[in-house]
ModelCIF file with pLDDT and N, C-alpha, C, O atoms, coordinates in Angstrom:
data_MODEL
#
_entry.id   MODEL 
#
_entity.id                         1 
_entity.type                       polymer 
_entity.pdbx_number_of_molecules   1 
#
_entity_poly.entity_id                      1 
_entity_poly.type                           'polypeptide(L)' 
_entity_poly.nstd_linkage                   no 
_entity_poly.nstd_monomer                   no 
_entity_poly.pdbx_seq_one_letter_code       
;(UNK)(UNK)(UNK)(UNK)(UNK)(UNK)(UNK)(UNK)(UNK)(UNK)(UNK)(UNK)(UNK)(UNK)(UNK)(UNK)
(UNK)(UNK)(UNK)(UNK)(UNK)(UNK)(UNK)(UNK)(UNK)(UNK)(UNK)(UNK)(UNK)(UNK)(UNK)(UNK)
;
_entity_poly.pdbx_seq_one_letter_code_can   XXXXXXXXXXXXXXXXXXXXXXXXXXXXXXXX 
_entity_poly.pdbx_strand_id                 A 
#
loop_
_entity_poly_seq.entity_id 
_entity_poly_seq.num 
_entity_poly_seq.mon_id 
_entity_poly_seq.hetero 
1 1  UNK n 
1 2  UNK n 
1 3  UNK n 
1 4  UNK n 
1 5  UNK n 
1 6  UNK n 
1 7  UNK n 
1 8  UNK n 
1 9  UNK n 
1 10 UNK n 
1 11 UNK n 
1 12 UNK n 
1 13 UNK n 
1 14 UNK n 
1 15 UNK n 
1 16 UNK n 
1 17 UNK n 
1 18 UNK n 
1 19 UNK n 
1 20 UNK n 
1 21 UNK n 
1 22 UNK n 
1 23 UNK n 
1 24 UNK n 
1 25 UNK n 
1 26 UNK n 
1 27 UNK n 
1 28 UNK n 
1 29 UNK n 
1 30 UNK n 
1 31 UNK n 
1 32 UNK n 
#
_struct_asym.id          A 
_struct_asym.entity_id   1 
#
loop_
_ma_qa_metric.id 
_ma_qa_metric.mode 
_ma_qa_metric.name 
_ma_qa_metric.software_group_id 
_ma_qa_metric.type 
1 global pLDDT . pLDDT 
2 local  pLDDT . pLDDT 
#
_ma_qa_metric_global.metric_id      1 
_ma_qa_metric_global.metric_value   86.16 
_ma_qa_metric_global.model_id       1 
_ma_qa_metric_global.ordinal_id     1 
#
loop_
_ma_qa_metric_local.label_asym_id 
_ma_qa_metric_local.label_comp_id 
_ma_qa_metric_local.label_seq_id 
_ma_qa_metric_local.metric_id 
_ma_qa_metric_local.metric_value 
_ma_qa_metric_local.model_id 
_ma_qa_metric_local.ordinal_id 
A UNK 1  2 92.00 1 1  
A UNK 2  2 95.00 1 2  
A UNK 3  2 97.00 1 3  
A UNK 4  2 98.00 1 4  
A UNK 5  2 97.00 1 5  
A UNK 6  2 98.00 1 6  
A UNK 7  2 98.00 1 7  
A UNK 8  2 97.00 1 8  
A UNK 9  2 97.00 1 9  
A UNK 10 2 97.00 1 10 
A UNK 11 2 96.00 1 11 
A UNK 12 2 96.00 1 12 
A UNK 13 2 97.00 1 13 
A UNK 14 2 97.00 1 14 
A UNK 15 2 94.00 1 15 
A UNK 16 2 94.00 1 16 
A UNK 17 2 91.00 1 17 
A UNK 18 2 88.00 1 18 
A UNK 19 2 79.00 1 19 
A UNK 20 2 76.00 1 20 
A UNK 21 2 76.00 1 21 
A UNK 22 2 75.00 1 22 
A UNK 23 2 74.00 1 23 
A UNK 24 2 71.00 1 24 
A UNK 25 2 68.00 1 25 
A UNK 26 2 66.00 1 26 
A UNK 27 2 65.00 1 27 
A UNK 28 2 70.00 1 28 
A UNK 29 2 71.00 1 29 
A UNK 30 2 79.00 1 30 
A UNK 31 2 84.00 1 31 
A UNK 32 2 84.00 1 32 
#
loop_
_atom_site.group_PDB 
_atom_site.id 
_atom_site.type_symbol 
_atom_site.label_atom_id 
_atom_site.label_alt_id 
_atom_site.label_comp_id 
_atom_site.label_asym_id 
_atom_site.label_entity_id 
_atom_site.label_seq_id 
_atom_site.pdbx_PDB_ins_code 
_atom_site.Cartn_x 
_atom_site.Cartn_y 
_atom_site.Cartn_z 
_atom_site.occupancy 
_atom_site.B_iso_or_equiv 
_atom_site.pdbx_formal_charge 
_atom_site.auth_seq_id 
_atom_site.auth_comp_id 
_atom_site.auth_asym_id 
_atom_site.auth_atom_id 
_atom_site.pdbx_PDB_model_num 
ATOM 1   N N  . UNK A 1 1  ? 0.695  -1.180 0.325   1.00 92.00 ? 1  UNK A N  1 
ATOM 2   C CA . UNK A 1 1  ? 0.211  0.086  0.037   1.00 92.00 ? 1  UNK A CA 1 
ATOM 3   C C  . UNK A 1 1  ? 0.887  1.322  0.041   1.00 92.00 ? 1  UNK A C  1 
ATOM 4   O O  . UNK A 1 1  ? 0.292  2.335  -0.328  1.00 92.00 ? 1  UNK A O  1 
ATOM 5   N N  . UNK A 1 2  ? 2.053  1.359  0.411   1.00 95.00 ? 2  UNK A N  1 
ATOM 6   C CA . UNK A 1 2  ? 2.947  2.257  0.862   1.00 95.00 ? 2  UNK A CA 1 
ATOM 7   C C  . UNK A 1 2  ? 3.790  2.459  -0.416  1.00 95.00 ? 2  UNK A C  1 
ATOM 8   O O  . UNK A 1 2  ? 3.973  3.543  -0.970  1.00 95.00 ? 2  UNK A O  1 
ATOM 9   N N  . UNK A 1 3  ? 4.238  1.360  -0.775  1.00 97.00 ? 3  UNK A N  1 
ATOM 10  C CA . UNK A 1 3  ? 5.126  1.214  -2.001  1.00 97.00 ? 3  UNK A CA 1 
ATOM 11  C C  . UNK A 1 3  ? 4.709  1.173  -3.281  1.00 97.00 ? 3  UNK A C  1 
ATOM 12  O O  . UNK A 1 3  ? 3.659  0.531  -3.249  1.00 97.00 ? 3  UNK A O  1 
ATOM 13  N N  . UNK A 1 4  ? 4.947  1.507  -4.425  1.00 98.00 ? 4  UNK A N  1 
ATOM 14  C CA . UNK A 1 4  ? 4.430  1.546  -5.381  1.00 98.00 ? 4  UNK A CA 1 
ATOM 15  C C  . UNK A 1 4  ? 5.464  1.095  -6.785  1.00 98.00 ? 4  UNK A C  1 
ATOM 16  O O  . UNK A 1 4  ? 6.317  1.860  -7.235  1.00 98.00 ? 4  UNK A O  1 
ATOM 17  N N  . UNK A 1 5  ? 5.212  -0.142 -7.285  1.00 97.00 ? 5  UNK A N  1 
ATOM 18  C CA . UNK A 1 5  ? 6.213  -0.355 -8.261  1.00 97.00 ? 5  UNK A CA 1 
ATOM 19  C C  . UNK A 1 5  ? 6.074  0.281  -9.633  1.00 97.00 ? 5  UNK A C  1 
ATOM 20  O O  . UNK A 1 5  ? 5.090  0.167  -10.365 1.00 97.00 ? 5  UNK A O  1 
ATOM 21  N N  . UNK A 1 6  ? 7.330  1.057  -9.925  1.00 98.00 ? 6  UNK A N  1 
ATOM 22  C CA . UNK A 1 6  ? 6.992  1.933  -11.293 1.00 98.00 ? 6  UNK A CA 1 
ATOM 23  C C  . UNK A 1 6  ? 6.812  0.824  -12.637 1.00 98.00 ? 6  UNK A C  1 
ATOM 24  O O  . UNK A 1 6  ? 7.537  -0.156 -12.806 1.00 98.00 ? 6  UNK A O  1 
ATOM 25  N N  . UNK A 1 7  ? 5.784  1.192  -13.447 1.00 98.00 ? 7  UNK A N  1 
ATOM 26  C CA . UNK A 1 7  ? 5.482  0.579  -14.518 1.00 98.00 ? 7  UNK A CA 1 
ATOM 27  C C  . UNK A 1 7  ? 6.614  0.689  -15.629 1.00 98.00 ? 7  UNK A C  1 
ATOM 28  O O  . UNK A 1 7  ? 7.386  1.629  -15.820 1.00 98.00 ? 7  UNK A O  1 
ATOM 29  N N  . UNK A 1 8  ? 6.525  -0.364 -16.227 1.00 97.00 ? 8  UNK A N  1 
ATOM 30  C CA . UNK A 1 8  ? 7.544  -0.579 -17.635 1.00 97.00 ? 8  UNK A CA 1 
ATOM 31  C C  . UNK A 1 8  ? 7.317  0.691  -18.630 1.00 97.00 ? 8  UNK A C  1 
ATOM 32  O O  . UNK A 1 8  ? 6.214  1.178  -18.876 1.00 97.00 ? 8  UNK A O  1 
ATOM 33  N N  . UNK A 1 9  ? 8.507  1.121  -19.136 1.00 97.00 ? 9  UNK A N  1 
ATOM 34  C CA . UNK A 1 9  ? 8.036  2.100  -20.291 1.00 97.00 ? 9  UNK A CA 1 
ATOM 35  C C  . UNK A 1 9  ? 7.854  1.375  -21.549 1.00 97.00 ? 9  UNK A C  1 
ATOM 36  O O  . UNK A 1 9  ? 8.753  0.620  -21.918 1.00 97.00 ? 9  UNK A O  1 
ATOM 37  N N  . UNK A 1 10 ? 6.921  1.501  -22.165 1.00 97.00 ? 10 UNK A N  1 
ATOM 38  C CA . UNK A 1 10 ? 6.714  0.769  -23.449 1.00 97.00 ? 10 UNK A CA 1 
ATOM 39  C C  . UNK A 1 10 ? 7.285  1.695  -24.802 1.00 97.00 ? 10 UNK A C  1 
ATOM 40  O O  . UNK A 1 10 ? 7.412  2.917  -24.869 1.00 97.00 ? 10 UNK A O  1 
ATOM 41  N N  . UNK A 1 11 ? 7.502  0.919  -25.578 1.00 96.00 ? 11 UNK A N  1 
ATOM 42  C CA . UNK A 1 11 ? 8.640  1.040  -26.903 1.00 96.00 ? 11 UNK A CA 1 
ATOM 43  C C  . UNK A 1 11 ? 8.093  2.659  -27.549 1.00 96.00 ? 11 UNK A C  1 
ATOM 44  O O  . UNK A 1 11 ? 8.809  3.607  -27.873 1.00 96.00 ? 11 UNK A O  1 
ATOM 45  N N  . UNK A 1 12 ? 6.703  2.563  -27.584 1.00 96.00 ? 12 UNK A N  1 
ATOM 46  C CA . UNK A 1 12 ? 5.925  3.533  -28.082 1.00 96.00 ? 12 UNK A CA 1 
ATOM 47  C C  . UNK A 1 12 ? 6.114  5.026  -27.637 1.00 96.00 ? 12 UNK A C  1 
ATOM 48  O O  . UNK A 1 12 ? 5.955  6.065  -28.277 1.00 96.00 ? 12 UNK A O  1 
ATOM 49  N N  . UNK A 1 13 ? 6.545  4.785  -26.196 1.00 97.00 ? 13 UNK A N  1 
ATOM 50  C CA . UNK A 1 13 ? 6.439  5.998  -25.176 1.00 97.00 ? 13 UNK A CA 1 
ATOM 51  C C  . UNK A 1 13 ? 7.867  6.472  -24.885 1.00 97.00 ? 13 UNK A C  1 
ATOM 52  O O  . UNK A 1 13 ? 8.068  7.264  -23.965 1.00 97.00 ? 13 UNK A O  1 
ATOM 53  N N  . UNK A 1 14 ? 9.083  5.902  -25.818 1.00 97.00 ? 14 UNK A N  1 
ATOM 54  C CA . UNK A 1 14 ? 10.400 6.516  -25.602 1.00 97.00 ? 14 UNK A CA 1 
ATOM 55  C C  . UNK A 1 14 ? 10.517 7.290  -26.689 1.00 97.00 ? 14 UNK A C  1 
ATOM 56  O O  . UNK A 1 14 ? 10.163 6.923  -27.809 1.00 97.00 ? 14 UNK A O  1 
ATOM 57  N N  . UNK A 1 15 ? 11.066 8.509  -26.404 1.00 94.00 ? 15 UNK A N  1 
ATOM 58  C CA . UNK A 1 15 ? 10.953 9.907  -27.336 1.00 94.00 ? 15 UNK A CA 1 
ATOM 59  C C  . UNK A 1 15 ? 12.369 10.401 -27.428 1.00 94.00 ? 15 UNK A C  1 
ATOM 60  O O  . UNK A 1 15 ? 12.914 10.638 -26.350 1.00 94.00 ? 15 UNK A O  1 
ATOM 61  N N  . UNK A 1 16 ? 13.130 10.618 -28.639 1.00 94.00 ? 16 UNK A N  1 
ATOM 62  C CA . UNK A 1 16 ? 14.253 11.361 -28.743 1.00 94.00 ? 16 UNK A CA 1 
ATOM 63  C C  . UNK A 1 16 ? 13.873 12.835 -28.739 1.00 94.00 ? 16 UNK A C  1 
ATOM 64  O O  . UNK A 1 16 ? 13.008 13.315 -29.471 1.00 94.00 ? 16 UNK A O  1 
ATOM 65  N N  . UNK A 1 17 ? 14.708 13.616 -27.711 1.00 91.00 ? 17 UNK A N  1 
ATOM 66  C CA . UNK A 1 17 ? 14.300 15.007 -27.519 1.00 91.00 ? 17 UNK A CA 1 
ATOM 67  C C  . UNK A 1 17 ? 15.523 15.657 -27.954 1.00 91.00 ? 17 UNK A C  1 
ATOM 68  O O  . UNK A 1 17 ? 16.596 15.368 -27.424 1.00 91.00 ? 17 UNK A O  1 
ATOM 69  N N  . UNK A 1 18 ? 15.426 16.581 -28.954 1.00 88.00 ? 18 UNK A N  1 
ATOM 70  C CA . UNK A 1 18 ? 16.496 17.159 -29.382 1.00 88.00 ? 18 UNK A CA 1 
ATOM 71  C C  . UNK A 1 18 ? 16.397 18.584 -28.807 1.00 88.00 ? 18 UNK A C  1 
ATOM 72  O O  . UNK A 1 18 ? 15.372 19.265 -28.844 1.00 88.00 ? 18 UNK A O  1 
ATOM 73  N N  . UNK A 1 19 ? 17.748 19.019 -28.190 1.00 79.00 ? 19 UNK A N  1 
ATOM 74  C CA . UNK A 1 19 ? 17.971 20.344 -27.615 1.00 79.00 ? 19 UNK A CA 1 
ATOM 75  C C  . UNK A 1 19 ? 19.178 20.843 -27.852 1.00 79.00 ? 19 UNK A C  1 
ATOM 76  O O  . UNK A 1 19 ? 20.076 20.286 -28.484 1.00 79.00 ? 19 UNK A O  1 
ATOM 77  N N  . UNK A 1 20 ? 19.211 22.010 -27.291 1.00 76.00 ? 20 UNK A N  1 
ATOM 78  C CA . UNK A 1 20 ? 20.445 22.765 -27.547 1.00 76.00 ? 20 UNK A CA 1 
ATOM 79  C C  . UNK A 1 20 ? 21.150 23.058 -26.356 1.00 76.00 ? 20 UNK A C  1 
ATOM 80  O O  . UNK A 1 20 ? 20.690 23.977 -25.679 1.00 76.00 ? 20 UNK A O  1 
ATOM 81  N N  . UNK A 1 21 ? 22.252 22.430 -25.918 1.00 76.00 ? 21 UNK A N  1 
ATOM 82  C CA . UNK A 1 21 ? 23.026 22.427 -24.659 1.00 76.00 ? 21 UNK A CA 1 
ATOM 83  C C  . UNK A 1 21 ? 23.105 23.897 -24.121 1.00 76.00 ? 21 UNK A C  1 
ATOM 84  O O  . UNK A 1 21 ? 23.336 24.869 -24.840 1.00 76.00 ? 21 UNK A O  1 
ATOM 85  N N  . UNK A 1 22 ? 22.878 23.945 -22.728 1.00 75.00 ? 22 UNK A N  1 
ATOM 86  C CA . UNK A 1 22 ? 23.268 25.133 -22.344 1.00 75.00 ? 22 UNK A CA 1 
ATOM 87  C C  . UNK A 1 22 ? 24.191 25.026 -21.298 1.00 75.00 ? 22 UNK A C  1 
ATOM 88  O O  . UNK A 1 22 ? 24.493 23.891 -20.927 1.00 75.00 ? 22 UNK A O  1 
ATOM 89  N N  . UNK A 1 23 ? 24.694 25.999 -20.753 1.00 74.00 ? 23 UNK A N  1 
ATOM 90  C CA . UNK A 1 23 ? 25.780 26.291 -19.762 1.00 74.00 ? 23 UNK A CA 1 
ATOM 91  C C  . UNK A 1 23 ? 25.703 25.271 -18.741 1.00 74.00 ? 23 UNK A C  1 
ATOM 92  O O  . UNK A 1 23 ? 26.601 24.435 -18.636 1.00 74.00 ? 23 UNK A O  1 
ATOM 93  N N  . UNK A 1 24 ? 24.685 25.279 -17.976 1.00 71.00 ? 24 UNK A N  1 
ATOM 94  C CA . UNK A 1 24 ? 24.522 24.936 -16.813 1.00 71.00 ? 24 UNK A CA 1 
ATOM 95  C C  . UNK A 1 24 ? 23.720 23.519 -16.799 1.00 71.00 ? 24 UNK A C  1 
ATOM 96  O O  . UNK A 1 24 ? 23.588 22.930 -15.726 1.00 71.00 ? 24 UNK A O  1 
ATOM 97  N N  . UNK A 1 25 ? 23.148 22.939 -18.088 1.00 68.00 ? 25 UNK A N  1 
ATOM 98  C CA . UNK A 1 25 ? 22.565 21.852 -18.034 1.00 68.00 ? 25 UNK A CA 1 
ATOM 99  C C  . UNK A 1 25 ? 23.116 20.245 -17.314 1.00 68.00 ? 25 UNK A C  1 
ATOM 100 O O  . UNK A 1 25 ? 22.374 19.377 -16.853 1.00 68.00 ? 25 UNK A O  1 
ATOM 101 N N  . UNK A 1 26 ? 24.488 20.213 -17.396 1.00 66.00 ? 26 UNK A N  1 
ATOM 102 C CA . UNK A 1 26 ? 24.994 19.193 -16.873 1.00 66.00 ? 26 UNK A CA 1 
ATOM 103 C C  . UNK A 1 26 ? 25.987 19.399 -15.703 1.00 66.00 ? 26 UNK A C  1 
ATOM 104 O O  . UNK A 1 26 ? 26.972 18.724 -15.401 1.00 66.00 ? 26 UNK A O  1 
ATOM 105 N N  . UNK A 1 27 ? 25.415 20.626 -15.062 1.00 65.00 ? 27 UNK A N  1 
ATOM 106 C CA . UNK A 1 27 ? 26.597 21.081 -14.004 1.00 65.00 ? 27 UNK A CA 1 
ATOM 107 C C  . UNK A 1 27 ? 26.601 20.379 -12.760 1.00 65.00 ? 27 UNK A C  1 
ATOM 108 O O  . UNK A 1 27 ? 27.632 20.175 -12.121 1.00 65.00 ? 27 UNK A O  1 
ATOM 109 N N  . UNK A 1 28 ? 25.336 19.966 -12.369 1.00 70.00 ? 28 UNK A N  1 
ATOM 110 C CA . UNK A 1 28 ? 25.112 19.287 -11.158 1.00 70.00 ? 28 UNK A CA 1 
ATOM 111 C C  . UNK A 1 28 ? 24.082 17.912 -11.497 1.00 70.00 ? 28 UNK A C  1 
ATOM 112 O O  . UNK A 1 28 ? 23.406 17.936 -12.525 1.00 70.00 ? 28 UNK A O  1 
ATOM 113 N N  . UNK A 1 29 ? 24.028 16.892 -10.692 1.00 71.00 ? 29 UNK A N  1 
ATOM 114 C CA . UNK A 1 29 ? 23.218 16.144 -10.621 1.00 71.00 ? 29 UNK A CA 1 
ATOM 115 C C  . UNK A 1 29 ? 21.818 16.332 -9.488  1.00 71.00 ? 29 UNK A C  1 
ATOM 116 O O  . UNK A 1 29 ? 21.141 15.317 -9.324  1.00 71.00 ? 29 UNK A O  1 
ATOM 117 N N  . UNK A 1 30 ? 21.531 17.209 -8.966  1.00 79.00 ? 30 UNK A N  1 
ATOM 118 C CA . UNK A 1 30 ? 20.725 17.780 -7.982  1.00 79.00 ? 30 UNK A CA 1 
ATOM 119 C C  . UNK A 1 30 ? 19.240 17.512 -8.647  1.00 79.00 ? 30 UNK A C  1 
ATOM 120 O O  . UNK A 1 30 ? 18.961 17.614 -9.842  1.00 79.00 ? 30 UNK A O  1 
ATOM 121 N N  . UNK A 1 31 ? 18.449 17.181 -7.680  1.00 84.00 ? 31 UNK A N  1 
ATOM 122 C CA . UNK A 1 31 ? 16.961 16.945 -8.066  1.00 84.00 ? 31 UNK A CA 1 
ATOM 123 C C  . UNK A 1 31 ? 16.420 18.282 -8.865  1.00 84.00 ? 31 UNK A C  1 
ATOM 124 O O  . UNK A 1 31 ? 15.817 18.384 -9.934  1.00 84.00 ? 31 UNK A O  1 
ATOM 125 N N  . UNK A 1 32 ? 16.914 19.343 -7.841  1.00 84.00 ? 32 UNK A N  1 
ATOM 126 C CA . UNK A 1 32 ? 16.763 20.724 -8.781  1.00 84.00 ? 32 UNK A CA 1 
ATOM 127 C C  . UNK A 1 32 ? 17.119 20.867 -9.840  1.00 84.00 ? 32 UNK A C  1 
ATOM 128 O O  . UNK A 1 32 ? 16.939 21.943 -10.411 1.00 84.00 ? 32 UNK A O  1 
#
């Protein structure tokens, strides 16, 4: 009841997302 198993991602729901890198995109791995 407390812990939920994450659903598997179907192939149709995997998207390649093109973007232009910005200076701080990969600067840290914080959740924020």
